[in-house]
């Protein structure tokens, strides 16, 4: 298995000699890839059930149902990038992930929290950290994964926070909360899974209190340069491969999010690019996947998780070439 991982990593980094059609902006799933060879061809097949490709939401749920246990055993309660900054090699990966949450909150100027919604909550690590940081606050979290929701509730009760937080299965594009429910709307690395970015931002704004803060931390592709109408064919091909492995819809740019924030009455908008600060993360994840514990965990988790592991070098490659951006955007819902 380790040899297969290394071999597939090498094939993923190899340039393709095939020509590809120019890319265009799309809504929904990425376009199907042309057939690749050998192991990579198998890796890039869509997630299936009974031989049929799963709908996007079901595919995302299956991906995290199968992989979250392995991630927790290897990395703990936080299912997101770490913030390394200038301290690469001097801080643990677990500390880098905690630092990510704290640095985002500091960057956004969050002084107090009464009630936060964690959109794409994973195992609830961010929510619990926010509860610890802001005494008296409450949290609600939503995820498409029943495994994640159940585990998040268990971990929260074990942490003695069960009376302040609850996690449930729900769709971020149709949140089960009344208008104006939260003074902090938090989305840490879930936006990339949203097929309808406009609906996603509209829902974040809807559930925010007037004057409430909205924070999105997500992967985007680079902003298009003046005169560009699309990414290059090579860039689009790399993103398409990631879409197939991680069940992602079409990517957008930070500039796209800025336009959506403006359209939905979110003011005092602030953005940042932390691609450099998170760059070590994927190398660390790849190293952990290649350990004996990592390989054993992948085999136990199943093919969906193995497929995600096999294309991890593409994330590192996309970041290093400036195609993939790890970005932040925050703003305040306008007072009515």
Protein backbone atom coordinates (compact mmCIF):
# COMPACT_ATOMS: atom_id res chain seq x y z
CA UNK A 1 0.00 0.00 0.00
CA UNK A 2 2.83 2.42 0.86
CA UNK A 3 4.48 1.71 -2.52
CA UNK A 4 1.17 2.37 -4.26
CA UNK A 5 0.78 5.70 -2.49
CA UNK A 6 4.29 6.78 -3.44
CA UNK A 7 3.83 5.65 -7.05
CA UNK A 8 0.53 7.47 -7.40
CA UNK A 9 2.01 10.60 -5.84
CA UNK A 10 4.70 10.55 -8.51
CA UNK A 11 2.17 10.10 -11.30
CA UNK A 12 0.08 12.98 -9.99
CA UNK A 13 3.05 15.31 -10.09
CA UNK A 14 4.02 14.28 -13.62
CA UNK A 15 2.96 16.75 -16.34
CA UNK A 16 0.38 15.56 -18.84
CA UNK A 17 1.17 15.52 -22.54
CA UNK A 18 -2.51 15.47 -23.51
CA UNK A 19 -4.17 18.66 -24.75
CA UNK A 20 -7.21 19.80 -22.82
CA UNK A 21 -10.12 21.97 -23.87
CA UNK A 22 -10.21 25.53 -22.50
CA UNK A 23 -12.05 25.80 -19.19
CA UNK A 24 -15.16 27.84 -18.60
CA UNK A 25 -17.00 28.92 -15.49
CA UNK A 26 -19.50 26.30 -14.39
CA UNK A 27 -22.07 25.86 -11.64
CA UNK A 28 -22.19 22.49 -9.91
CA UNK A 29 -19.90 19.51 -10.39
CA UNK A 30 -16.57 19.84 -12.14
CA UNK A 31 -16.49 18.47 -15.67
CA UNK A 32 -15.66 14.75 -16.07
CA UNK A 33 -12.00 14.06 -16.67
CA UNK A 34 -10.60 12.35 -19.70
CA UNK A 35 -9.51 8.81 -18.86
CA UNK A 36 -6.15 8.57 -17.13
CA UNK A 37 -4.03 5.44 -16.91
CA UNK A 38 -3.66 2.70 -14.32
CA UNK A 39 -4.07 3.55 -10.66
CA UNK A 40 -4.80 7.21 -11.35
CA UNK A 41 -7.75 6.27 -13.58
CA UNK A 42 -9.25 4.32 -10.70
CA UNK A 43 -8.54 7.12 -8.24
CA UNK A 44 -10.46 9.64 -10.31
CA UNK A 45 -13.69 7.67 -10.58
CA UNK A 46 -16.58 9.41 -8.78
CA UNK A 47 -17.71 8.11 -5.39
CA UNK A 48 -20.34 5.46 -6.04
CA UNK A 49 -22.95 3.34 -4.34
CA UNK A 50 -24.14 0.20 -6.08
CA UNK A 51 -22.14 1.17 -9.16
CA UNK A 52 -23.87 4.55 -9.55
CA UNK A 53 -22.28 7.94 -8.98
CA UNK A 54 -23.65 9.54 -5.83
CA UNK A 55 -25.32 12.96 -5.82
CA UNK A 56 -23.04 15.68 -4.51
CA UNK A 57 -24.51 15.90 -0.99
CA UNK A 58 -24.54 12.12 -0.56
CA UNK A 59 -20.98 11.89 -1.83
CA UNK A 60 -19.78 14.51 0.64
CA UNK A 61 -21.55 12.73 3.50
CA UNK A 62 -20.00 9.40 2.51
CA UNK A 63 -16.55 10.95 2.22
CA UNK A 64 -16.66 12.31 5.77
CA UNK A 65 -18.54 9.37 7.26
CA UNK A 66 -15.68 7.13 6.15
CA UNK A 67 -12.69 9.41 6.75
CA UNK A 68 -13.45 11.30 9.97
CA UNK A 69 -12.51 8.44 12.29
CA UNK A 70 -9.09 8.09 10.68
CA UNK A 71 -8.55 11.84 10.74
CA UNK A 72 -9.42 12.00 14.44
CA UNK A 73 -7.07 9.13 15.28
CA UNK A 74 -4.18 10.75 13.40
CA UNK A 75 -4.79 14.48 13.90
CA UNK A 76 -7.40 14.97 16.61
CA UNK A 77 -10.63 16.96 16.75
CA UNK A 78 -9.80 19.67 14.18
CA UNK A 79 -10.52 18.79 10.53
CA UNK A 80 -8.86 21.79 8.92
CA UNK A 81 -5.55 23.39 7.95
CA UNK A 82 -3.04 24.49 10.54
CA UNK A 83 -1.58 27.98 10.81
CA UNK A 84 2.22 27.61 10.77
CA UNK A 85 3.41 31.12 9.93
CA UNK A 86 7.12 31.59 10.63
CA UNK A 87 7.10 28.78 13.21
CA UNK A 88 7.22 25.83 10.82
CA UNK A 89 9.09 22.99 12.47
CA UNK A 90 8.77 24.48 15.95
CA UNK A 91 5.08 23.85 16.65
CA UNK A 92 3.04 20.67 16.55
CA UNK A 93 0.39 20.13 13.91
CA UNK A 94 -2.27 20.07 16.63
CA UNK A 95 -1.10 23.45 17.90
CA UNK A 96 -1.08 24.82 14.35
CA UNK A 97 -4.74 23.85 13.98
CA UNK A 98 -5.68 25.53 17.26
CA UNK A 99 -3.68 28.57 16.18
CA UNK A 100 -5.73 28.66 12.98
CA UNK A 101 -8.96 29.14 14.92
CA UNK A 102 -7.45 31.75 17.24
CA UNK A 103 -5.74 33.68 14.45
CA UNK A 104 -8.94 33.81 12.38
CA UNK A 105 -10.91 35.13 15.36
CA UNK A 106 -8.21 37.71 16.11
CA UNK A 107 -7.94 38.75 12.46
CA UNK A 108 -11.72 39.22 12.24
CA UNK A 109 -11.78 41.24 15.45
CA UNK A 110 -14.22 38.97 17.31
CA UNK A 111 -14.35 40.41 20.83
CA UNK A 112 -17.36 38.53 22.19
CA UNK A 113 -19.72 35.75 21.14
CA UNK A 114 -23.20 34.95 22.42
CA UNK A 115 -24.26 32.33 19.89
CA UNK A 116 -22.27 30.90 16.99
CA UNK A 117 -23.30 28.61 14.15
CA UNK A 118 -20.51 26.37 12.84
CA UNK A 119 -21.40 25.70 9.19
CA UNK A 120 -19.65 22.49 8.18
CA UNK A 121 -18.76 21.71 11.78
CA UNK A 122 -16.80 18.49 11.31
CA UNK A 123 -16.18 16.96 14.73
CA UNK A 124 -16.99 20.25 16.46
CA UNK A 125 -13.40 21.18 17.29
CA UNK A 126 -13.75 24.82 16.28
CA UNK A 127 -17.04 25.18 18.15
CA UNK A 128 -15.62 23.79 21.38
CA UNK A 129 -12.59 26.05 21.11
CA UNK A 130 -14.85 29.07 20.61
CA UNK A 131 -16.93 28.04 23.65
CA UNK A 132 -13.76 27.85 25.75
CA UNK A 133 -12.52 31.20 24.46
CA UNK A 134 -15.81 33.04 25.02
CA UNK A 135 -17.38 32.04 28.38
CA UNK A 136 -21.15 31.91 28.32
CA UNK A 137 -21.36 31.48 24.55
CA UNK A 138 -23.46 28.80 22.85
CA UNK A 139 -22.87 26.91 19.61
CA UNK A 140 -24.87 25.07 16.99
CA UNK A 141 -23.15 23.05 14.30
CA UNK A 142 -24.33 21.50 11.05
CA UNK A 143 -22.75 18.89 8.80
CA UNK A 144 -23.92 16.54 6.05
CA UNK A 145 -22.22 13.62 7.82
CA UNK A 146 -24.24 11.69 10.44
CA UNK A 147 -20.99 10.19 11.73
CA UNK A 148 -19.54 13.64 12.32
CA UNK A 149 -22.68 15.00 14.00
CA UNK A 150 -22.90 12.04 16.37
CA UNK A 151 -19.21 12.14 17.23
CA UNK A 152 -19.26 15.93 17.71
CA UNK A 153 -22.07 15.62 20.24
CA UNK A 154 -20.26 12.84 22.12
CA UNK A 155 -16.98 14.77 22.26
CA UNK A 156 -18.78 17.91 23.39
CA UNK A 157 -20.53 16.10 26.24
CA UNK A 158 -17.22 14.51 27.25
CA UNK A 159 -15.68 17.99 27.36
CA UNK A 160 -18.42 19.12 29.75
CA UNK A 161 -19.94 21.46 27.17
CA UNK A 162 -23.05 19.50 26.25
CA UNK A 163 -25.39 22.10 27.72
CA UNK A 164 -23.89 24.82 25.51
CA UNK A 165 -23.65 23.15 22.10
CA UNK A 166 -25.50 20.79 19.77
CA UNK A 167 -24.64 19.37 16.36
CA UNK A 168 -26.99 18.01 13.72
CA UNK A 169 -27.20 16.84 10.13
CA UNK A 170 -28.38 19.71 7.95
CA UNK A 171 -27.70 21.37 4.60
CA UNK A 172 -25.79 24.66 4.69
CA UNK A 173 -27.80 25.79 1.66
CA UNK A 174 -31.05 25.46 3.65
CA UNK A 175 -30.18 25.93 7.30
CA UNK A 176 -32.74 24.84 9.93
CA UNK A 177 -32.49 28.08 11.91
CA UNK A 178 -34.70 31.19 12.04
CA UNK A 179 -33.56 34.46 10.56
CA UNK A 180 -31.16 36.44 12.73
CA UNK A 181 -30.23 33.61 15.09
CA UNK A 182 -26.48 34.12 15.53
CA UNK A 183 -24.07 36.94 16.27
CA UNK A 184 -21.20 34.86 14.80
CA UNK A 185 -21.60 32.83 11.61
CA UNK A 186 -18.51 30.66 11.17
CA UNK A 187 -17.52 28.56 8.14
CA UNK A 188 -14.03 27.05 8.34
CA UNK A 189 -13.23 25.03 5.21
CA UNK A 190 -16.72 24.05 4.16
CA UNK A 191 -17.39 26.63 1.43
CA UNK A 192 -15.42 24.61 -1.12
CA UNK A 193 -18.12 21.92 -0.94
CA UNK A 194 -20.99 24.31 -1.70
CA UNK A 195 -22.34 23.91 -5.25
CA UNK A 196 -24.32 27.17 -5.12
CA UNK A 197 -22.07 29.84 -3.66
CA UNK A 198 -24.75 32.53 -3.96
CA UNK A 199 -27.21 30.44 -1.92
CA UNK A 200 -24.45 29.63 0.56
CA UNK A 201 -23.68 33.30 1.24
CA UNK A 202 -27.37 34.21 1.28
CA UNK A 203 -28.02 31.62 4.00
CA UNK A 204 -25.05 32.78 6.06
CA UNK A 205 -26.42 36.33 5.91
CA UNK A 206 -29.98 35.18 6.67
CA UNK A 207 -29.12 33.42 9.93
CA UNK A 208 -26.83 36.24 11.11
CA UNK A 209 -28.17 38.86 13.47
CA UNK A 210 -28.15 42.42 12.12
CA UNK A 211 -24.69 43.60 13.09
CA UNK A 212 -23.53 39.98 13.39
CA UNK A 213 -20.19 38.88 11.99
CA UNK A 214 -19.82 36.37 9.15
CA UNK A 215 -16.50 34.58 8.57
CA UNK A 216 -15.63 32.26 5.70
CA UNK A 217 -12.27 30.50 5.52
CA UNK A 218 -12.00 28.40 2.38
CA UNK A 219 -10.02 27.18 -0.61
CA UNK A 220 -10.43 29.20 -3.79
CA UNK A 221 -8.69 29.34 -7.12
CA UNK A 222 -6.62 32.43 -7.85
CA UNK A 223 -8.33 35.61 -8.98
CA UNK A 224 -8.36 35.99 -12.74
CA UNK A 225 -6.00 38.63 -14.08
CA UNK A 226 -7.34 41.56 -16.15
CA UNK A 227 -8.25 40.22 -19.58
CA UNK A 228 -8.50 36.59 -18.45
CA UNK A 229 -11.84 34.84 -18.85
CA UNK A 230 -10.83 31.44 -17.44
CA UNK A 231 -8.03 29.54 -15.78
CA UNK A 232 -5.43 27.89 -17.98
CA UNK A 233 -6.17 24.34 -19.18
CA UNK A 234 -3.40 22.97 -16.94
CA UNK A 235 -4.83 24.75 -13.91
CA UNK A 236 -8.37 23.60 -14.61
CA UNK A 237 -7.22 20.01 -15.06
CA UNK A 238 -5.57 20.02 -11.63
CA UNK A 239 -8.75 21.36 -10.01
CA UNK A 240 -10.88 18.82 -11.87
CA UNK A 241 -8.79 15.99 -10.44
CA UNK A 242 -9.34 17.34 -6.94
CA UNK A 243 -13.07 17.64 -7.62
CA UNK A 244 -13.28 13.97 -8.51
CA UNK A 245 -11.38 12.84 -5.41
CA UNK A 246 -12.97 15.13 -2.82
CA UNK A 247 -16.46 15.46 -4.29
CA UNK A 248 -16.17 19.18 -4.89
CA UNK A 249 -18.29 21.36 -7.17
CA UNK A 250 -16.75 23.99 -9.42
CA UNK A 251 -14.29 26.31 -7.67
CA UNK A 252 -14.62 30.08 -7.36
CA UNK A 253 -12.26 32.95 -6.54
CA UNK A 254 -12.01 35.31 -3.59
CA UNK A 255 -13.21 38.08 -5.91
CA UNK A 256 -16.39 36.05 -6.48
CA UNK A 257 -17.01 35.94 -2.72
CA UNK A 258 -16.43 39.69 -2.43
CA UNK A 259 -19.15 40.29 -5.04
CA UNK A 260 -21.53 37.96 -3.20
CA UNK A 261 -20.93 39.66 0.13
CA UNK A 262 -21.73 43.03 -1.41
CA UNK A 263 -24.87 41.64 -3.07
CA UNK A 264 -26.23 40.35 0.25
CA UNK A 265 -25.76 43.47 2.34
CA UNK A 266 -22.60 42.39 4.16
CA UNK A 267 -20.54 45.50 4.92
CA UNK A 268 -17.09 46.32 6.31
CA UNK A 269 -15.69 43.46 4.25
CA UNK A 270 -12.12 42.39 4.91
CA UNK A 271 -10.11 39.70 3.10
CA UNK A 272 -6.79 37.92 3.50
CA UNK A 273 -4.69 35.29 1.74
CA UNK A 274 -2.98 32.87 4.14
CA UNK A 275 -1.68 30.45 1.52
CA UNK A 276 1.91 30.91 2.72
CA UNK A 277 0.95 30.45 6.36
CA UNK A 278 -0.70 27.06 5.69
CA UNK A 279 1.76 25.78 3.08
CA UNK A 280 3.39 23.14 5.35
CA UNK A 281 0.05 21.51 6.13
CA UNK A 282 -0.34 19.16 3.18
CA UNK A 283 3.23 17.94 3.45
CA UNK A 284 2.53 17.02 7.06
CA UNK A 285 -0.70 15.23 6.12
CA UNK A 286 1.09 13.27 3.39
CA UNK A 287 3.81 12.23 5.85
CA UNK A 288 1.21 10.98 8.31
CA UNK A 289 -0.58 9.02 5.57
CA UNK A 290 2.65 7.21 4.67
CA UNK A 291 3.30 5.96 8.21
CA UNK A 292 2.40 2.41 9.21
CA UNK A 293 -0.48 3.76 11.30
CA UNK A 294 -1.65 5.92 8.43
CA UNK A 295 -1.62 3.14 5.84
CA UNK A 296 -3.41 0.74 8.22
CA UNK A 297 -6.01 3.41 8.92
CA UNK A 298 -6.56 4.09 5.23
CA UNK A 299 -7.12 0.40 4.52
CA UNK A 300 -9.63 0.22 7.36
CA UNK A 301 -11.42 3.42 6.33
CA UNK A 302 -12.04 2.23 2.78
CA UNK A 303 -11.59 3.24 -0.82
CA UNK A 304 -13.23 6.65 -0.59
CA UNK A 305 -10.63 7.75 1.97
CA UNK A 306 -7.77 6.08 0.10
CA UNK A 307 -8.74 8.01 -3.02
CA UNK A 308 -8.55 11.27 -1.12
CA UNK A 309 -5.12 10.37 0.25
CA UNK A 310 -3.76 9.52 -3.18
CA UNK A 311 -4.42 12.99 -4.55
CA UNK A 312 -3.18 14.97 -1.55
CA UNK A 313 -0.02 16.02 -3.44
CA UNK A 314 -2.24 17.92 -5.86
CA UNK A 315 -3.31 20.24 -3.04
CA UNK A 316 0.32 20.89 -2.18
CA UNK A 317 1.14 21.40 -5.84
CA UNK A 318 -1.79 23.76 -6.38
CA UNK A 319 -0.76 25.87 -3.39
CA UNK A 320 2.89 26.01 -4.43
CA UNK A 321 2.07 27.10 -7.99
CA UNK A 322 -0.27 29.86 -6.79
CA UNK A 323 -3.41 28.28 -8.25
CA UNK A 324 -5.06 27.27 -4.99
CA UNK A 325 -5.50 30.03 -2.45
CA UNK A 326 -6.30 29.62 1.23
CA UNK A 327 -8.40 32.72 1.80
CA UNK A 328 -10.46 34.48 4.44
CA UNK A 329 -13.34 36.88 4.05
CA UNK A 330 -15.35 38.51 6.81
CA UNK A 331 -17.96 41.20 7.13
CA UNK A 332 -20.88 42.41 9.20
CA UNK A 333 -24.54 42.00 8.32
CA UNK A 334 -26.07 45.42 7.75
CA UNK A 335 -28.34 46.78 10.47
CA UNK A 336 -31.98 47.02 9.40
